[in-house]
Amino acid sequence: MSATWIVIADSASARIFRPARAGRELNLLKEMEHPDSRMPGRGLTTDRPGRAFDSAGPGRHAMAQQTGPREHEAWTFCRRLADEIEAARGRNQFDRLVLVAAPAFLGRLRQTLGDPALKTLKASVDKDLTGLRTDQLLKQLPEEVLR
């Protein structure tokens, strides 16, 4: 018997579903939250940027961050979600994977997932559907995804 997982996610939350009754129903398997991704950037940092000396001369300047705090939190949640998917794949809980996320997060998730999980990727939908109820999701997801 083949099993499909439909992962609907954004940078702060994810819901994992399994289609049932020939795609007319979605069973919720798991919900994940990462509230830090919703915090304003200033709430995620505790200090001002560090300072460094110029390579030549007596000047000093603030050091810039490579990524912003919100982006860092989005990557943190993405890795956590990818770990969950990889672990479930290792336990043979699904053999077909569908990813539904806004384009930026979908790209992060594809980048983070390992080859075994990516080989099961049946489809991906680049829409943010995290705010929809389950009955609304059924109307928004393509028919081939639900089979």
N, C-alpha and C. Protein backbone atom coordinates (compact mmCIF):
# COMPACT_ATOMS: atom_id res chain seq x y z
N MET A 1 0.84 -1.19 0.00
CA MET A 1 0.00 0.00 0.00
C MET A 1 0.88 1.24 0.00
N SER A 2 0.59 2.16 -0.88
CA SER A 2 1.38 3.37 -0.93
C SER A 2 0.75 4.45 -0.06
N ALA A 3 1.59 5.26 0.53
CA ALA A 3 1.14 6.33 1.41
C ALA A 3 1.72 7.65 0.94
N THR A 4 0.89 8.66 0.93
CA THR A 4 1.31 10.01 0.53
C THR A 4 1.27 10.92 1.75
N TRP A 5 2.30 11.73 1.87
CA TRP A 5 2.31 12.80 2.86
C TRP A 5 2.18 14.12 2.12
N ILE A 6 1.29 14.97 2.58
CA ILE A 6 1.18 16.33 2.06
C ILE A 6 1.63 17.27 3.17
N VAL A 7 2.71 17.98 2.94
CA VAL A 7 3.28 18.90 3.92
C VAL A 7 2.94 20.32 3.50
N ILE A 8 2.18 21.01 4.33
CA ILE A 8 1.79 22.40 4.07
C ILE A 8 2.50 23.25 5.11
N ALA A 9 3.40 24.14 4.63
CA ALA A 9 4.27 24.82 5.58
C ALA A 9 4.57 26.25 5.17
N ASP A 10 4.99 27.02 6.15
CA ASP A 10 5.63 28.31 5.95
C ASP A 10 6.76 28.39 6.96
N SER A 11 7.34 29.55 7.12
CA SER A 11 8.52 29.66 7.98
C SER A 11 8.22 29.53 9.47
N ALA A 12 6.94 29.46 9.83
CA ALA A 12 6.59 29.42 11.25
C ALA A 12 5.70 28.24 11.64
N SER A 13 5.13 27.54 10.68
CA SER A 13 4.25 26.42 11.02
C SER A 13 4.19 25.42 9.88
N ALA A 14 3.82 24.21 10.24
CA ALA A 14 3.66 23.14 9.25
C ALA A 14 2.57 22.19 9.72
N ARG A 15 1.83 21.69 8.75
CA ARG A 15 0.86 20.63 9.01
C ARG A 15 1.14 19.50 8.02
N ILE A 16 1.09 18.30 8.51
CA ILE A 16 1.36 17.13 7.67
C ILE A 16 0.07 16.32 7.60
N PHE A 17 -0.37 16.06 6.37
CA PHE A 17 -1.62 15.35 6.13
C PHE A 17 -1.37 14.08 5.34
N ARG A 18 -2.33 13.17 5.45
CA ARG A 18 -2.39 11.99 4.59
C ARG A 18 -3.77 11.99 3.94
N PRO A 19 -3.83 11.94 2.61
CA PRO A 19 -5.13 11.89 1.95
C PRO A 19 -5.86 10.59 2.28
N ALA A 20 -7.18 10.68 2.36
CA ALA A 20 -8.00 9.50 2.65
C ALA A 20 -9.24 9.53 1.76
N ARG A 21 -9.90 8.41 1.67
CA ARG A 21 -11.13 8.26 0.89
C ARG A 21 -10.98 8.84 -0.51
N ALA A 22 -9.98 8.33 -1.23
CA ALA A 22 -9.74 8.71 -2.64
C ALA A 22 -9.63 10.22 -2.82
N GLY A 23 -8.95 10.88 -1.90
CA GLY A 23 -8.69 12.31 -2.03
C GLY A 23 -9.83 13.22 -1.63
N ARG A 24 -10.84 12.69 -1.01
CA ARG A 24 -11.97 13.53 -0.58
C ARG A 24 -11.84 13.97 0.87
N GLU A 25 -10.76 13.56 1.50
CA GLU A 25 -10.56 13.86 2.91
C GLU A 25 -9.06 13.95 3.18
N LEU A 26 -8.69 14.79 4.15
CA LEU A 26 -7.29 14.88 4.59
C LEU A 26 -7.23 14.58 6.08
N ASN A 27 -6.42 13.61 6.44
CA ASN A 27 -6.22 13.29 7.85
C ASN A 27 -4.96 14.00 8.34
N LEU A 28 -5.12 14.81 9.39
CA LEU A 28 -3.99 15.51 9.98
C LEU A 28 -3.15 14.53 10.78
N LEU A 29 -1.87 14.43 10.44
CA LEU A 29 -0.94 13.55 11.14
C LEU A 29 -0.14 14.29 12.20
N LYS A 30 0.26 15.51 11.87
CA LYS A 30 1.14 16.24 12.79
C LYS A 30 1.08 17.73 12.50
N GLU A 31 1.23 18.51 13.56
CA GLU A 31 1.36 19.97 13.45
C GLU A 31 2.68 20.38 14.10
N MET A 32 3.35 21.31 13.49
CA MET A 32 4.60 21.83 14.05
C MET A 32 4.51 23.36 14.05
N GLU A 33 5.03 23.96 15.09
CA GLU A 33 5.04 25.42 15.22
C GLU A 33 6.45 25.91 15.52
N HIS A 34 6.75 27.10 15.03
CA HIS A 34 8.02 27.76 15.34
C HIS A 34 7.72 29.25 15.53
N PRO A 35 7.22 29.63 16.70
CA PRO A 35 6.78 31.01 16.92
C PRO A 35 7.88 32.06 16.76
N ASP A 36 9.14 31.66 16.94
CA ASP A 36 10.24 32.64 16.80
C ASP A 36 10.29 33.23 15.39
N SER A 37 9.81 32.50 14.40
CA SER A 37 9.81 33.01 13.03
C SER A 37 8.82 34.16 12.85
N ARG A 38 7.88 34.28 13.75
CA ARG A 38 6.88 35.35 13.65
C ARG A 38 7.26 36.60 14.46
N MET A 39 8.28 36.47 15.28
CA MET A 39 8.69 37.61 16.11
C MET A 39 9.32 38.70 15.26
N PRO A 40 9.17 39.96 15.66
CA PRO A 40 9.88 41.01 14.93
C PRO A 40 11.39 40.82 15.10
N GLY A 41 12.14 41.21 14.12
CA GLY A 41 13.59 41.03 14.13
C GLY A 41 14.26 41.56 15.38
N ARG A 42 13.80 42.68 15.87
CA ARG A 42 14.44 43.26 17.06
C ARG A 42 14.20 42.41 18.30
N GLY A 43 13.13 41.59 18.29
CA GLY A 43 12.85 40.72 19.42
C GLY A 43 13.72 39.48 19.43
N LEU A 44 14.39 39.21 18.32
CA LEU A 44 15.21 38.01 18.21
C LEU A 44 16.68 38.26 18.54
N THR A 45 17.07 39.50 18.56
CA THR A 45 18.46 39.82 18.87
C THR A 45 18.51 40.55 20.20
N THR A 46 19.58 40.34 20.93
CA THR A 46 19.68 40.95 22.25
C THR A 46 20.70 42.08 22.30
N ASP A 47 21.58 42.14 21.34
CA ASP A 47 22.65 43.13 21.34
C ASP A 47 22.70 43.91 20.04
N ARG A 48 23.41 45.00 20.12
CA ARG A 48 23.76 45.71 18.89
C ARG A 48 24.85 44.91 18.21
N PRO A 49 25.06 45.13 16.92
CA PRO A 49 26.13 44.40 16.23
C PRO A 49 27.49 44.69 16.85
N GLY A 50 28.37 43.73 16.78
CA GLY A 50 29.72 43.92 17.28
C GLY A 50 30.48 44.97 16.46
N ARG A 51 31.65 45.37 16.95
CA ARG A 51 32.44 46.37 16.25
C ARG A 51 33.80 45.77 15.94
N ALA A 52 34.37 46.23 14.87
CA ALA A 52 35.68 45.73 14.45
C ALA A 52 36.52 46.89 13.96
N PHE A 53 37.83 46.71 14.02
CA PHE A 53 38.75 47.72 13.51
C PHE A 53 38.88 47.56 12.00
N ASP A 54 39.08 48.68 11.30
CA ASP A 54 39.36 48.62 9.87
C ASP A 54 40.68 47.89 9.64
N SER A 55 40.82 47.27 8.48
CA SER A 55 42.06 46.55 8.20
C SER A 55 43.23 47.51 8.02
N ALA A 56 42.93 48.75 7.66
CA ALA A 56 43.99 49.75 7.53
C ALA A 56 43.50 51.04 8.17
N GLY A 57 44.27 51.59 9.05
CA GLY A 57 43.89 52.84 9.68
C GLY A 57 43.23 52.64 11.03
N PRO A 58 42.93 53.75 11.71
CA PRO A 58 42.42 53.68 13.07
C PRO A 58 40.89 53.56 13.17
N GLY A 59 40.20 53.45 12.05
CA GLY A 59 38.73 53.45 12.08
C GLY A 59 38.13 52.18 12.64
N ARG A 60 36.89 52.31 13.10
CA ARG A 60 36.11 51.16 13.57
C ARG A 60 34.75 51.21 12.89
N HIS A 61 34.13 50.07 12.77
CA HIS A 61 32.80 50.03 12.17
C HIS A 61 31.99 48.86 12.76
N ALA A 62 30.68 48.97 12.61
CA ALA A 62 29.81 47.89 13.07
C ALA A 62 29.91 46.73 12.10
N MET A 63 29.87 45.53 12.65
CA MET A 63 29.92 44.33 11.82
C MET A 63 28.50 43.99 11.37
N ALA A 64 28.33 43.72 10.11
CA ALA A 64 27.02 43.37 9.57
C ALA A 64 26.76 41.88 9.73
N GLN A 65 25.49 41.54 9.93
CA GLN A 65 25.11 40.14 10.03
C GLN A 65 25.01 39.56 8.61
N GLN A 66 25.37 38.28 8.47
CA GLN A 66 25.26 37.61 7.18
C GLN A 66 23.79 37.39 6.81
N THR A 67 22.99 36.99 7.77
CA THR A 67 21.55 36.83 7.55
C THR A 67 20.83 37.51 8.69
N GLY A 68 19.64 37.99 8.40
CA GLY A 68 18.83 38.63 9.43
C GLY A 68 18.28 37.60 10.39
N PRO A 69 17.84 38.05 11.56
CA PRO A 69 17.33 37.12 12.57
C PRO A 69 16.09 36.36 12.11
N ARG A 70 15.20 36.99 11.37
CA ARG A 70 14.00 36.29 10.90
C ARG A 70 14.37 35.21 9.87
N GLU A 71 15.31 35.53 9.00
CA GLU A 71 15.75 34.54 8.02
C GLU A 71 16.44 33.37 8.71
N HIS A 72 17.22 33.67 9.72
CA HIS A 72 17.88 32.61 10.49
C HIS A 72 16.84 31.68 11.11
N GLU A 73 15.78 32.25 11.69
CA GLU A 73 14.73 31.44 12.30
C GLU A 73 13.98 30.62 11.26
N ALA A 74 13.78 31.19 10.06
CA ALA A 74 13.12 30.43 8.99
C ALA A 74 13.96 29.21 8.61
N TRP A 75 15.28 29.38 8.50
CA TRP A 75 16.17 28.26 8.19
C TRP A 75 16.16 27.23 9.33
N THR A 76 16.12 27.70 10.56
CA THR A 76 16.08 26.80 11.71
C THR A 76 14.85 25.91 11.65
N PHE A 77 13.69 26.51 11.40
CA PHE A 77 12.46 25.72 11.30
C PHE A 77 12.49 24.81 10.08
N CYS A 78 13.03 25.29 9.00
CA CYS A 78 13.13 24.48 7.78
C CYS A 78 13.94 23.21 8.05
N ARG A 79 15.07 23.35 8.75
CA ARG A 79 15.89 22.17 9.08
C ARG A 79 15.14 21.22 10.00
N ARG A 80 14.39 21.77 10.95
CA ARG A 80 13.62 20.93 11.87
C ARG A 80 12.54 20.14 11.11
N LEU A 81 11.86 20.81 10.19
CA LEU A 81 10.83 20.16 9.38
C LEU A 81 11.46 19.11 8.46
N ALA A 82 12.57 19.44 7.86
CA ALA A 82 13.27 18.48 6.99
C ALA A 82 13.70 17.25 7.79
N ASP A 83 14.18 17.45 9.01
CA ASP A 83 14.56 16.32 9.86
C ASP A 83 13.36 15.42 10.14
N GLU A 84 12.21 16.02 10.39
CA GLU A 84 10.98 15.26 10.64
C GLU A 84 10.60 14.43 9.41
N ILE A 85 10.66 15.05 8.24
CA ILE A 85 10.33 14.35 7.00
C ILE A 85 11.31 13.22 6.75
N GLU A 86 12.61 13.50 6.92
CA GLU A 86 13.64 12.48 6.70
C GLU A 86 13.45 11.29 7.65
N ALA A 87 13.14 11.57 8.91
CA ALA A 87 12.95 10.50 9.89
C ALA A 87 11.74 9.64 9.51
N ALA A 88 10.66 10.27 9.09
CA ALA A 88 9.47 9.52 8.69
C ALA A 88 9.75 8.70 7.44
N ARG A 89 10.52 9.23 6.54
CA ARG A 89 10.89 8.47 5.33
C ARG A 89 11.72 7.25 5.72
N GLY A 90 12.62 7.42 6.66
CA GLY A 90 13.43 6.31 7.14
C GLY A 90 12.61 5.22 7.80
N ARG A 91 11.47 5.60 8.39
CA ARG A 91 10.56 4.63 9.03
C ARG A 91 9.51 4.11 8.05
N ASN A 92 9.65 4.48 6.77
CA ASN A 92 8.72 4.07 5.70
C ASN A 92 7.28 4.48 5.97
N GLN A 93 7.10 5.67 6.53
CA GLN A 93 5.74 6.15 6.81
C GLN A 93 5.07 6.72 5.57
N PHE A 94 5.84 7.01 4.53
CA PHE A 94 5.28 7.47 3.27
C PHE A 94 6.22 7.06 2.14
N ASP A 95 5.66 6.99 0.95
CA ASP A 95 6.51 6.73 -0.21
C ASP A 95 6.29 7.77 -1.32
N ARG A 96 5.34 8.69 -1.08
CA ARG A 96 5.13 9.83 -1.97
C ARG A 96 5.00 11.08 -1.11
N LEU A 97 5.69 12.13 -1.53
CA LEU A 97 5.72 13.38 -0.76
C LEU A 97 5.22 14.51 -1.64
N VAL A 98 4.38 15.35 -1.05
CA VAL A 98 3.89 16.56 -1.71
C VAL A 98 4.23 17.73 -0.80
N LEU A 99 4.91 18.73 -1.32
CA LEU A 99 5.28 19.92 -0.55
C LEU A 99 4.44 21.10 -1.04
N VAL A 100 3.83 21.82 -0.10
CA VAL A 100 3.03 23.00 -0.42
C VAL A 100 3.54 24.12 0.48
N ALA A 101 4.11 25.14 -0.15
CA ALA A 101 4.66 26.27 0.62
C ALA A 101 4.84 27.47 -0.30
N ALA A 102 4.98 28.63 0.31
CA ALA A 102 5.31 29.83 -0.45
C ALA A 102 6.64 29.60 -1.17
N PRO A 103 6.86 30.22 -2.32
CA PRO A 103 8.05 29.93 -3.12
C PRO A 103 9.38 29.99 -2.36
N ALA A 104 9.58 30.99 -1.53
CA ALA A 104 10.86 31.11 -0.82
C ALA A 104 11.08 29.95 0.15
N PHE A 105 10.05 29.61 0.91
CA PHE A 105 10.19 28.51 1.87
C PHE A 105 10.25 27.17 1.16
N LEU A 106 9.53 27.03 0.07
CA LEU A 106 9.58 25.79 -0.72
C LEU A 106 10.99 25.54 -1.22
N GLY A 107 11.64 26.59 -1.69
CA GLY A 107 13.03 26.47 -2.14
C GLY A 107 13.96 26.07 -1.01
N ARG A 108 13.79 26.67 0.14
CA ARG A 108 14.60 26.31 1.31
C ARG A 108 14.40 24.83 1.66
N LEU A 109 13.16 24.40 1.65
CA LEU A 109 12.85 23.03 2.04
C LEU A 109 13.45 22.03 1.05
N ARG A 110 13.32 22.31 -0.23
CA ARG A 110 13.94 21.43 -1.23
C ARG A 110 15.45 21.38 -1.06
N GLN A 111 16.03 22.50 -0.74
CA GLN A 111 17.49 22.58 -0.54
C GLN A 111 17.92 21.79 0.69
N THR A 112 17.08 21.74 1.70
CA THR A 112 17.43 21.13 2.98
C THR A 112 17.19 19.62 3.00
N LEU A 113 16.18 19.15 2.26
CA LEU A 113 15.87 17.72 2.25
C LEU A 113 16.98 16.91 1.60
N GLY A 114 17.20 15.72 2.11
CA GLY A 114 18.20 14.82 1.55
C GLY A 114 17.65 14.06 0.35
N ASP A 115 18.52 13.37 -0.34
CA ASP A 115 18.14 12.63 -1.55
C ASP A 115 17.05 11.59 -1.33
N PRO A 116 17.08 10.79 -0.26
CA PRO A 116 16.01 9.79 -0.10
C PRO A 116 14.61 10.42 -0.07
N ALA A 117 14.45 11.52 0.61
CA ALA A 117 13.13 12.18 0.66
C ALA A 117 12.82 12.85 -0.67
N LEU A 118 13.81 13.47 -1.30
CA LEU A 118 13.57 14.13 -2.58
C LEU A 118 13.17 13.13 -3.67
N LYS A 119 13.65 11.91 -3.57
CA LYS A 119 13.27 10.89 -4.57
C LYS A 119 11.79 10.53 -4.46
N THR A 120 11.18 10.78 -3.30
CA THR A 120 9.76 10.47 -3.13
C THR A 120 8.88 11.66 -3.49
N LEU A 121 9.48 12.80 -3.86
CA LEU A 121 8.72 14.01 -4.15
C LEU A 121 7.84 13.80 -5.39
N LYS A 122 6.56 13.77 -5.16
CA LYS A 122 5.59 13.55 -6.24
C LYS A 122 5.21 14.88 -6.88
N ALA A 123 5.06 15.92 -6.05
CA ALA A 123 4.66 17.23 -6.56
C ALA A 123 5.01 18.30 -5.54
N SER A 124 5.09 19.52 -6.03
CA SER A 124 5.23 20.66 -5.13
C SER A 124 4.34 21.78 -5.66
N VAL A 125 3.75 22.49 -4.72
CA VAL A 125 2.83 23.58 -5.04
C VAL A 125 3.37 24.82 -4.37
N ASP A 126 3.68 25.85 -5.17
CA ASP A 126 4.28 27.06 -4.61
C ASP A 126 3.20 28.09 -4.26
N LYS A 127 2.43 27.75 -3.21
CA LYS A 127 1.40 28.63 -2.65
C LYS A 127 1.47 28.53 -1.14
N ASP A 128 1.20 29.63 -0.47
CA ASP A 128 1.12 29.62 0.98
C ASP A 128 -0.33 29.32 1.37
N LEU A 129 -0.59 28.08 1.76
CA LEU A 129 -1.94 27.66 2.14
C LEU A 129 -2.04 27.35 3.63
N THR A 130 -1.08 27.81 4.41
CA THR A 130 -1.05 27.46 5.83
C THR A 130 -2.24 28.01 6.61
N GLY A 131 -2.85 29.08 6.16
CA GLY A 131 -3.95 29.69 6.89
C GLY A 131 -5.31 29.08 6.59
N LEU A 132 -5.36 28.10 5.69
CA LEU A 132 -6.65 27.53 5.30
C LEU A 132 -7.07 26.37 6.20
N ARG A 133 -8.37 26.22 6.37
CA ARG A 133 -8.91 25.06 7.06
C ARG A 133 -8.78 23.84 6.16
N THR A 134 -8.92 22.68 6.73
CA THR A 134 -8.75 21.43 5.99
C THR A 134 -9.72 21.34 4.82
N ASP A 135 -10.97 21.71 5.01
CA ASP A 135 -11.95 21.64 3.91
C ASP A 135 -11.59 22.61 2.78
N GLN A 136 -11.00 23.75 3.11
CA GLN A 136 -10.57 24.70 2.10
C GLN A 136 -9.35 24.19 1.34
N LEU A 137 -8.49 23.46 2.04
CA LEU A 137 -7.31 22.89 1.39
C LEU A 137 -7.70 21.94 0.27
N LEU A 138 -8.71 21.13 0.50
CA LEU A 138 -9.16 20.18 -0.52
C LEU A 138 -9.55 20.88 -1.82
N LYS A 139 -10.09 22.08 -1.71
CA LYS A 139 -10.49 22.84 -2.90
C LYS A 139 -9.29 23.49 -3.58
N GLN A 140 -8.23 23.78 -2.84
CA GLN A 140 -7.08 24.50 -3.38
C GLN A 140 -5.99 23.58 -3.96
N LEU A 141 -5.94 22.37 -3.48
CA LEU A 141 -4.89 21.45 -3.94
C LEU A 141 -5.26 20.83 -5.28
N PRO A 142 -4.30 20.69 -6.18
CA PRO A 142 -4.58 20.06 -7.47
C PRO A 142 -5.07 18.61 -7.27
N GLU A 143 -5.95 18.18 -8.14
CA GLU A 143 -6.56 16.84 -8.04
C GLU A 143 -5.51 15.73 -8.03
N GLU A 144 -4.49 15.84 -8.86
CA GLU A 144 -3.47 14.78 -8.93
C GLU A 144 -2.66 14.64 -7.64
N VAL A 145 -2.61 15.69 -6.85
CA VAL A 145 -1.91 15.66 -5.57
C VAL A 145 -2.67 14.81 -4.56
N LEU A 146 -3.97 14.81 -4.65
CA LEU A 146 -4.82 14.14 -3.67
C LEU A 146 -5.00 12.64 -3.94
N ARG A 147 -4.58 12.17 -5.09
CA ARG A 147 -4.73 10.74 -5.41
C ARG A 147 -3.64 9.92 -4.83
